[in-house]
Structure formats: structure tokens, C-alpha cells
């Protein structure tokens, strides 16, 4: 045992063992530092230009400068896109407001159109009732009095066109009551150039009304 302790070989082995243990301890510490650095790097990305070590080659410096320029351009494009998004959002909001206004106007127009239609129906019914009353009045008159009334009603009417009220009255009258009036206008005591001209125009217009109101015969399309 004393020979072993006094041997140089023994102390050399002891020194190597101690050096190996220390190397293992320091290696573990370095591995922990590297792992911690790696986790920190993954946790957060750099928000601005990265600071690189000062000792870089010229090529690396140029490469780094190119990367920073690209990064700046990307940031500018992102800001421009964000402005475009804001503008589009604002335009959409304005469009929605206009759409609502147009919808409200359309609803108001529909309501007014419906009110107008109802008034028109009422007026048409009133006109029909008025026309029926006039027809009854004319039917109660003598042929000569009816001719005088028609001439008075057609006094200010354009040439070659009868007053539509007269046409409406005749259209509602019984044909047997119309014949004496036309006879009085053409051959009666009240006959005149004006009455004969009015009779011709009325006959033409009544004939046209009969043709327009008569439905076509599906079994005889040629009319023969």
C-alpha cells in the first residue's frame, strides 16, 4: 500500500479522475445554459432590428443589412394593408347606412304608391257612378234634347274627335235608346252639319269600342 501511495502512476490516475469529474460538471452547466437560451428564443420573436455581434465580415454585414431592409419593407406593407382594411371597414359602414336609407325610402315609396292606388280606385268608382248618373239623365231626355246636350258637350272638343264623356254615355246606354238620338242628329228637326259630323265621329268611335271589347273567337281565327 505504501508503494502504491508513493507511486507517480497513482497520482496521475487520481488527477485524471478529478479532471474528468470536473469536465462532466462544467459540461452539464453549459448544456443547461444552452437549453435555457433556446427556450427563451422560442418564447418571443424579436420585435425590432436584431443586434448582431460587432465582429462580422463585410459579406455578413451586407447580408444583415439586406435582411433589415426587407424587414422594413414588410413592416411598411403591413401598415399599408392595415390602412386599407380600415378604409374598407369605413366604406362598408357607410354603405350599410346608405342601404338602410334606400330601404326606408323604398318602404315610403311603396306606402305612397299603395295610397295613390287606393285613391285612384276610389276616383274611378266615383267616375263610374257619375257616368251612370249622366247616362240615366240622357236616357230620360227626348232625342232632340239629347242631341242639344251632346252638341253643347262637344263644343270645345277638337275636330274629328268626340268628347270621351259622350262616348262613355253611349257605351252604357241601351242600343234601342241610342238609335232615336242618332236619327235625330242625322235626319231630325235638330239635324245640322255639326250634328251630322258628330254622329259620324261617334259611330266610328263606338264601332272601334265594340271591336276592342269583343273577344276573339278561338274557333274561328280568320273571322270568316
C-alpha atoms as a PDB file:
ATOM      1  CA  UNK A   1       0.000   0.000   0.000  1.00  0.00           C
ATOM      2  CA  UNK A   2       2.830   2.359   0.803  1.00  0.00           C
ATOM      3  CA  UNK A   3       4.402   1.548  -2.504  1.00  0.00           C
ATOM      4  CA  UNK A   4       1.115   2.396  -4.253  1.00  0.00           C
ATOM      5  CA  UNK A   5       0.781   5.750  -2.496  1.00  0.00           C
ATOM      6  CA  UNK A   6       4.401   6.596  -3.279  1.00  0.00           C
ATOM      7  CA  UNK A   7       3.889   5.709  -6.952  1.00  0.00           C
ATOM      8  CA  UNK A   8       3.672   8.531  -9.551  1.00  0.00           C
ATOM      9  CA  UNK A   9       1.275   6.448 -11.571  1.00  0.00           C
ATOM     10  CA  UNK A  10      -1.273   6.503  -8.762  1.00  0.00           C
ATOM     11  CA  UNK A  11      -1.305  10.287  -8.551  1.00  0.00           C
ATOM     12  CA  UNK A  12      -1.618  10.578 -12.316  1.00  0.00           C
ATOM     13  CA  UNK A  13      -4.724   8.412 -12.345  1.00  0.00           C
ATOM     14  CA  UNK A  14      -6.196  10.387  -9.453  1.00  0.00           C
ATOM     15  CA  UNK A  15      -5.633  13.668 -11.316  1.00  0.00           C
ATOM     16  CA  UNK A  16      -7.266  12.289 -14.455  1.00  0.00           C
ATOM     17  CA  UNK A  17     -10.315  11.144 -12.462  1.00  0.00           C
ATOM     18  CA  UNK A  18     -10.736  14.535 -10.828  1.00  0.00           C
ATOM     19  CA  UNK A  19     -10.356  16.308 -14.204  1.00  0.00           C
ATOM     20  CA  UNK A  20     -12.993  14.018 -15.735  1.00  0.00           C
ATOM     21  CA  UNK A  21     -15.480  14.721 -12.930  1.00  0.00           C
ATOM     22  CA  UNK A  22     -14.960  18.484 -13.246  1.00  0.00           C
ATOM     23  CA  UNK A  23     -15.360  18.295 -17.023  1.00  0.00           C
ATOM     24  CA  UNK A  24     -18.683  16.468 -16.600  1.00  0.00           C
ATOM     25  CA  UNK A  25     -19.935  19.075 -14.096  1.00  0.00           C
ATOM     26  CA  UNK A  26     -18.998  22.031 -16.344  1.00  0.00           C
ATOM     27  CA  UNK A  27     -20.489  20.313 -19.397  1.00  0.00           C
ATOM     28  CA  UNK A  28     -23.829  19.946 -17.627  1.00  0.00           C
ATOM     29  CA  UNK A  29     -23.843  23.630 -16.695  1.00  0.00           C
ATOM     30  CA  UNK A  30     -23.146  24.614 -20.311  1.00  0.00           C
ATOM     31  CA  UNK A  31     -25.912  22.353 -21.580  1.00  0.00           C
ATOM     32  CA  UNK A  32     -28.366  23.953 -19.143  1.00  0.00           C
ATOM     33  CA  UNK A  33     -27.405  27.438 -20.336  1.00  0.00           C
ATOM     34  CA  UNK A  34     -27.820  26.450 -23.983  1.00  0.00           C
ATOM     35  CA  UNK A  35     -31.227  24.890 -23.257  1.00  0.00           C
ATOM     36  CA  UNK A  36     -32.387  27.985 -21.389  1.00  0.00           C
ATOM     37  CA  UNK A  37     -31.198  30.222 -24.225  1.00  0.00           C
ATOM     38  CA  UNK A  38     -33.029  28.069 -26.776  1.00  0.00           C
ATOM     39  CA  UNK A  39     -36.291  28.176 -24.791  1.00  0.00           C
ATOM     40  CA  UNK A  40     -36.071  31.958 -24.431  1.00  0.00           C
ATOM     41  CA  UNK A  41     -35.523  32.322 -28.172  1.00  0.00           C
ATOM     42  CA  UNK A  42     -38.601  30.229 -28.972  1.00  0.00           C
ATOM     43  CA  UNK A  43     -40.756  32.071 -26.448  1.00  0.00           C
ATOM     44  CA  UNK A  44     -40.569  35.507 -28.098  1.00  0.00           C
ATOM     45  CA  UNK A  45     -39.566  36.691 -31.537  1.00  0.00           C
ATOM     46  CA  UNK A  46     -37.600  39.952 -31.909  1.00  0.00           C
ATOM     47  CA  UNK A  47     -39.885  42.959 -32.411  1.00  0.00           C
ATOM     48  CA  UNK A  48     -37.221  45.230 -33.915  1.00  0.00           C
ATOM     49  CA  UNK A  49     -33.890  45.077 -35.696  1.00  0.00           C
ATOM     50  CA  UNK A  50     -31.656  42.365 -34.218  1.00  0.00           C
ATOM     51  CA  UNK A  51     -28.321  43.403 -32.693  1.00  0.00           C
ATOM     52  CA  UNK A  52     -25.563  41.234 -34.056  1.00  0.00           C
ATOM     53  CA  UNK A  53     -22.045  40.835 -32.726  1.00  0.00           C
ATOM     54  CA  UNK A  54     -19.737  43.599 -33.823  1.00  0.00           C
ATOM     55  CA  UNK A  55     -17.161  41.323 -35.382  1.00  0.00           C
ATOM     56  CA  UNK A  56     -18.836  40.386 -38.682  1.00  0.00           C
ATOM     57  CA  UNK A  57     -17.330  40.031 -42.101  1.00  0.00           C
ATOM     58  CA  UNK A  58     -18.302  42.535 -44.783  1.00  0.00           C
ATOM     59  CA  UNK A  59     -20.367  39.909 -46.573  1.00  0.00           C
ATOM     60  CA  UNK A  60     -22.291  39.124 -43.402  1.00  0.00           C
ATOM     61  CA  UNK A  61     -22.800  42.838 -42.750  1.00  0.00           C
ATOM     62  CA  UNK A  62     -24.262  43.293 -46.248  1.00  0.00           C
ATOM     63  CA  UNK A  63     -26.452  40.241 -45.780  1.00  0.00           C
ATOM     64  CA  UNK A  64     -27.695  41.538 -42.435  1.00  0.00           C
ATOM     65  CA  UNK A  65     -28.378  44.976 -43.956  1.00  0.00           C
ATOM     66  CA  UNK A  66     -30.378  43.337 -46.782  1.00  0.00           C
ATOM     67  CA  UNK A  67     -32.436  41.389 -44.277  1.00  0.00           C
ATOM     68  CA  UNK A  68     -33.147  44.534 -42.267  1.00  0.00           C
ATOM     69  CA  UNK A  69     -34.261  46.384 -45.430  1.00  0.00           C
ATOM     70  CA  UNK A  70     -36.584  43.529 -46.319  1.00  0.00           C
ATOM     71  CA  UNK A  71     -37.939  43.529 -42.790  1.00  0.00           C
ATOM     72  CA  UNK A  72     -38.589  47.283 -43.014  1.00  0.00           C
ATOM     73  CA  UNK A  73     -40.404  46.857 -46.344  1.00  0.00           C
ATOM     74  CA  UNK A  74     -42.540  44.063 -44.915  1.00  0.00           C
ATOM     75  CA  UNK A  75     -43.487  46.279 -41.973  1.00  0.00           C
ATOM     76  CA  UNK A  76     -44.403  49.121 -44.361  1.00  0.00           C
ATOM     77  CA  UNK A  77     -46.580  46.775 -46.420  1.00  0.00           C
ATOM     78  CA  UNK A  78     -48.289  45.528 -43.264  1.00  0.00           C
ATOM     79  CA  UNK A  79     -49.045  49.114 -42.207  1.00  0.00           C
ATOM     80  CA  UNK A  80     -50.390  49.897 -45.702  1.00  0.00           C
ATOM     81  CA  UNK A  81     -52.589  46.797 -45.611  1.00  0.00           C
ATOM     82  CA  UNK A  82     -53.925  47.770 -42.207  1.00  0.00           C
ATOM     83  CA  UNK A  83     -54.834  51.233 -43.561  1.00  0.00           C
ATOM     84  CA  UNK A  84     -56.612  49.592 -46.493  1.00  0.00           C
ATOM     85  CA  UNK A  85     -58.519  47.358 -44.072  1.00  0.00           C
ATOM     86  CA  UNK A  86     -59.564  50.398 -42.030  1.00  0.00           C
ATOM     87  CA  UNK A  87     -60.700  52.177 -45.201  1.00  0.00           C
ATOM     88  CA  UNK A  88     -62.708  49.150 -46.330  1.00  0.00           C
ATOM     89  CA  UNK A  89     -64.339  48.843 -42.912  1.00  0.00           C
ATOM     90  CA  UNK A  90     -65.293  52.525 -43.033  1.00  0.00           C
ATOM     91  CA  UNK A  91     -66.685  52.205 -46.572  1.00  0.00           C
ATOM     92  CA  UNK A  92     -68.722  49.157 -45.529  1.00  0.00           C
ATOM     93  CA  UNK A  93     -70.194  51.070 -42.606  1.00  0.00           C
ATOM     94  CA  UNK A  94     -71.113  53.976 -44.922  1.00  0.00           C
ATOM     95  CA  UNK A  95     -72.605  51.510 -47.426  1.00  0.00           C
ATOM     96  CA  UNK A  96     -74.710  49.920 -44.696  1.00  0.00           C
ATOM     97  CA  UNK A  97     -76.023  53.356 -43.711  1.00  0.00           C
ATOM     98  CA  UNK A  98     -76.901  54.172 -47.339  1.00  0.00           C
ATOM     99  CA  UNK A  99     -78.526  50.768 -47.777  1.00  0.00           C
ATOM    100  CA  UNK A 100     -80.714  51.401 -44.748  1.00  0.00           C
ATOM    101  CA  UNK A 101     -81.700  54.834 -46.083  1.00  0.00           C
ATOM    102  CA  UNK A 102     -82.564  53.378 -49.502  1.00  0.00           C
ATOM    103  CA  UNK A 103     -84.637  50.634 -47.873  1.00  0.00           C
ATOM    104  CA  UNK A 104     -86.539  53.230 -45.837  1.00  0.00           C
ATOM    105  CA  UNK A 105     -87.150  55.340 -48.952  1.00  0.00           C
ATOM    106  CA  UNK A 106     -88.375  52.268 -50.823  1.00  0.00           C
ATOM    107  CA  UNK A 107     -90.801  51.478 -47.992  1.00  0.00           C
ATOM    108  CA  UNK A 108     -92.078  55.066 -48.012  1.00  0.00           C
ATOM    109  CA  UNK A 109     -92.486  54.962 -51.803  1.00  0.00           C
ATOM    110  CA  UNK A 110     -94.403  51.675 -51.602  1.00  0.00           C
ATOM    111  CA  UNK A 111     -96.714  53.122 -48.971  1.00  0.00           C
ATOM    112  CA  UNK A 112     -97.386  56.241 -51.074  1.00  0.00           C
ATOM    113  CA  UNK A 113     -97.904  54.127 -54.198  1.00  0.00           C
ATOM    114  CA  UNK A 114    -100.430  51.973 -52.362  1.00  0.00           C
ATOM    115  CA  UNK A 115    -102.220  55.074 -51.029  1.00  0.00           C
ATOM    116  CA  UNK A 116    -102.288  56.529 -54.560  1.00  0.00           C
ATOM    117  CA  UNK A 117    -103.676  53.262 -55.939  1.00  0.00           C
ATOM    118  CA  UNK A 118    -106.435  53.248 -53.347  1.00  0.00           C
ATOM    119  CA  UNK A 119    -107.307  56.877 -54.178  1.00  0.00           C
ATOM    120  CA  UNK A 120    -107.322  56.041 -57.882  1.00  0.00           C
ATOM    121  CA  UNK A 121    -109.713  53.162 -57.262  1.00  0.00           C
ATOM    122  CA  UNK A 122    -111.984  55.482 -55.297  1.00  0.00           C
ATOM    123  CA  UNK A 123    -111.835  58.114 -58.070  1.00  0.00           C
ATOM    124  CA  UNK A 124    -112.529  55.525 -60.751  1.00  0.00           C
ATOM    125  CA  UNK A 125    -115.532  54.281 -58.817  1.00  0.00           C
ATOM    126  CA  UNK A 126    -116.735  57.874 -58.379  1.00  0.00           C
ATOM    127  CA  UNK A 127    -116.271  58.498 -62.119  1.00  0.00           C
ATOM    128  CA  UNK A 128    -118.196  55.328 -62.925  1.00  0.00           C
ATOM    129  CA  UNK A 129    -121.031  56.364 -60.653  1.00  0.00           C
ATOM    130  CA  UNK A 130    -121.019  59.823 -62.234  1.00  0.00           C
ATOM    131  CA  UNK A 131    -121.098  58.294 -65.713  1.00  0.00           C
ATOM    132  CA  UNK A 132    -124.006  56.059 -64.721  1.00  0.00           C
ATOM    133  CA  UNK A 133    -125.931  59.083 -63.425  1.00  0.00           C
ATOM    134  CA  UNK A 134    -125.267  61.012 -66.685  1.00  0.00           C
ATOM    135  CA  UNK A 135    -126.416  58.018 -68.702  1.00  0.00           C
ATOM    136  CA  UNK A 136    -129.667  57.840 -66.766  1.00  0.00           C
ATOM    137  CA  UNK A 137    -130.162  61.588 -67.307  1.00  0.00           C
ATOM    138  CA  UNK A 138    -129.635  61.296 -71.095  1.00  0.00           C
ATOM    139  CA  UNK A 139    -131.961  58.299 -71.271  1.00  0.00           C
ATOM    140  CA  UNK A 140    -134.670  60.394 -69.626  1.00  0.00           C
ATOM    141  CA  UNK A 141    -134.335  63.186 -72.243  1.00  0.00           C
ATOM    142  CA  UNK A 142    -136.059  63.403 -75.586  1.00  0.00           C
ATOM    143  CA  UNK A 143    -133.886  62.677 -78.655  1.00  0.00           C
ATOM    144  CA  UNK A 144    -133.777  66.364 -79.614  1.00  0.00           C
ATOM    145  CA  UNK A 145    -132.787  67.400 -76.048  1.00  0.00           C
ATOM    146  CA  UNK A 146    -130.090  64.679 -76.003  1.00  0.00           C
ATOM    147  CA  UNK A 147    -128.688  65.954 -79.327  1.00  0.00           C
ATOM    148  CA  UNK A 148    -128.602  69.538 -77.983  1.00  0.00           C
ATOM    149  CA  UNK A 149    -126.769  68.318 -74.845  1.00  0.00           C
ATOM    150  CA  UNK A 150    -124.216  66.343 -76.903  1.00  0.00           C
ATOM    151  CA  UNK A 151    -123.528  69.302 -79.160  1.00  0.00           C
ATOM    152  CA  UNK A 152    -123.006  71.535 -76.129  1.00  0.00           C
ATOM    153  CA  UNK A 153    -120.643  68.984 -74.502  1.00  0.00           C
ATOM    154  CA  UNK A 154    -118.665  68.630 -77.757  1.00  0.00           C
ATOM    155  CA  UNK A 155    -118.497  72.371 -78.427  1.00  0.00           C
ATOM    156  CA  UNK A 156    -114.862  72.855 -77.402  1.00  0.00           C
ATOM    157  CA  UNK A 157    -113.657  69.430 -78.492  1.00  0.00           C
ATOM    158  CA  UNK A 158    -111.023  69.063 -81.257  1.00  0.00           C
ATOM    159  CA  UNK A 159    -112.241  68.359 -84.796  1.00  0.00           C
ATOM    160  CA  UNK A 160    -112.746  64.711 -85.794  1.00  0.00           C
ATOM    161  CA  UNK A 161    -112.794  63.610 -82.185  1.00  0.00           C
ATOM    162  CA  UNK A 162    -115.806  63.277 -79.902  1.00  0.00           C
ATOM    163  CA  UNK A 163    -115.896  64.146 -76.230  1.00  0.00           C
ATOM    164  CA  UNK A 164    -114.992  60.931 -74.345  1.00  0.00           C
ATOM    165  CA  UNK A 165    -117.828  61.567 -71.887  1.00  0.00           C
ATOM    166  CA  UNK A 166    -120.359  61.312 -74.740  1.00  0.00           C
ATOM    167  CA  UNK A 167    -118.750  58.074 -75.908  1.00  0.00           C
ATOM    168  CA  UNK A 168    -118.858  56.716 -72.349  1.00  0.00           C
ATOM    169  CA  UNK A 169    -122.541  57.592 -72.007  1.00  0.00           C
ATOM    170  CA  UNK A 170    -123.466  55.930 -75.302  1.00  0.00           C
ATOM    171  CA  UNK A 171    -121.441  52.878 -74.369  1.00  0.00           C
ATOM    172  CA  UNK A 172    -123.572  52.446 -71.215  1.00  0.00           C
ATOM    173  CA  UNK A 173    -126.910  53.135 -72.925  1.00  0.00           C
ATOM    174  CA  UNK A 174    -129.266  50.509 -74.275  1.00  0.00           C
ATOM    175  CA  UNK A 175    -128.892  50.276 -78.099  1.00  0.00           C
ATOM    176  CA  UNK A 176    -132.644  50.816 -78.509  1.00  0.00           C
ATOM    177  CA  UNK A 177    -132.265  54.230 -76.817  1.00  0.00           C
ATOM    178  CA  UNK A 178    -129.263  55.218 -78.952  1.00  0.00           C
ATOM    179  CA  UNK A 179    -130.973  54.768 -82.333  1.00  0.00           C
ATOM    180  CA  UNK A 180    -133.509  57.652 -81.930  1.00  0.00           C
ATOM    181  CA  UNK A 181    -130.682  60.021 -80.886  1.00  0.00           C
ATOM    182  CA  UNK A 182    -128.606  59.180 -83.983  1.00  0.00           C
ATOM    183  CA  UNK A 183    -131.686  59.528 -86.164  1.00  0.00           C
ATOM    184  CA  UNK A 184    -132.349  62.967 -84.704  1.00  0.00           C
ATOM    185  CA  UNK A 185    -128.702  64.008 -85.315  1.00  0.00           C
ATOM    186  CA  UNK A 186    -128.803  62.981 -89.000  1.00  0.00           C
ATOM    187  CA  UNK A 187    -132.434  63.406 -90.198  1.00  0.00           C
ATOM    188  CA  UNK A 188    -134.397  65.086 -87.399  1.00  0.00           C
ATOM    189  CA  UNK A 189    -135.541  68.647 -86.890  1.00  0.00           C
ATOM    190  CA  UNK A 190    -132.354  69.408 -84.887  1.00  0.00           C
ATOM    191  CA  UNK A 191    -130.082  67.965 -87.603  1.00  0.00           C
ATOM    192  CA  UNK A 192    -127.259  70.228 -88.752  1.00  0.00           C
ATOM    193  CA  UNK A 193    -123.792  69.952 -90.212  1.00  0.00           C
ATOM    194  CA  UNK A 194    -122.354  69.843 -86.689  1.00  0.00           C
ATOM    195  CA  UNK A 195    -124.764  67.152 -85.532  1.00  0.00           C
ATOM    196  CA  UNK A 196    -124.184  65.046 -88.659  1.00  0.00           C
ATOM    197  CA  UNK A 197    -120.398  65.336 -88.247  1.00  0.00           C
ATOM    198  CA  UNK A 198    -120.711  64.407 -84.551  1.00  0.00           C
ATOM    199  CA  UNK A 199    -122.902  61.422 -85.440  1.00  0.00           C
ATOM    200  CA  UNK A 200    -120.301  60.149 -87.906  1.00  0.00           C
ATOM    201  CA  UNK A 201    -117.469  60.503 -85.386  1.00  0.00           C
ATOM    202  CA  UNK A 202    -119.477  58.839 -82.597  1.00  0.00           C
ATOM    203  CA  UNK A 203    -120.455  55.944 -84.864  1.00  0.00           C
ATOM    204  CA  UNK A 204    -116.816  55.391 -85.786  1.00  0.00           C
ATOM    205  CA  UNK A 205    -115.636  55.503 -82.173  1.00  0.00           C
ATOM    206  CA  UNK A 206    -118.430  53.229 -80.958  1.00  0.00           C
ATOM    207  CA  UNK A 207    -117.599  50.760 -83.722  1.00  0.00           C
ATOM    208  CA  UNK A 208    -113.955  50.796 -82.574  1.00  0.00           C
ATOM    209  CA  UNK A 209    -115.033  50.197 -78.957  1.00  0.00           C
ATOM    210  CA  UNK A 210    -117.125  47.218 -79.998  1.00  0.00           C
ATOM    211  CA  UNK A 211    -114.179  45.704 -81.880  1.00  0.00           C
ATOM    212  CA  UNK A 212    -111.782  46.260 -78.935  1.00  0.00           C
ATOM    213  CA  UNK A 213    -114.185  44.845 -76.330  1.00  0.00           C
ATOM    214  CA  UNK A 214    -115.283  41.795 -78.370  1.00  0.00           C
ATOM    215  CA  UNK A 215    -113.025  38.791 -77.554  1.00  0.00           C
ATOM    216  CA  UNK A 216    -111.554  36.860 -80.467  1.00  0.00           C
ATOM    217  CA  UNK A 217    -113.320  33.637 -81.378  1.00  0.00           C
ATOM    218  CA  UNK A 218    -110.768  30.865 -80.790  1.00  0.00           C
ATOM    219  CA  UNK A 219    -112.733  28.540 -83.053  1.00  0.00           C
ATOM    220  CA  UNK A 220    -112.664  30.952 -85.971  1.00  0.00           C
ATOM    221  CA  UNK A 221    -109.335  32.836 -86.002  1.00  0.00           C
ATOM    222  CA  UNK A 222    -109.815  34.027 -89.594  1.00  0.00           C
ATOM    223  CA  UNK A 223    -113.035  35.861 -88.694  1.00  0.00           C
ATOM    224  CA  UNK A 224    -114.942  34.233 -91.616  1.00  0.00           C
END
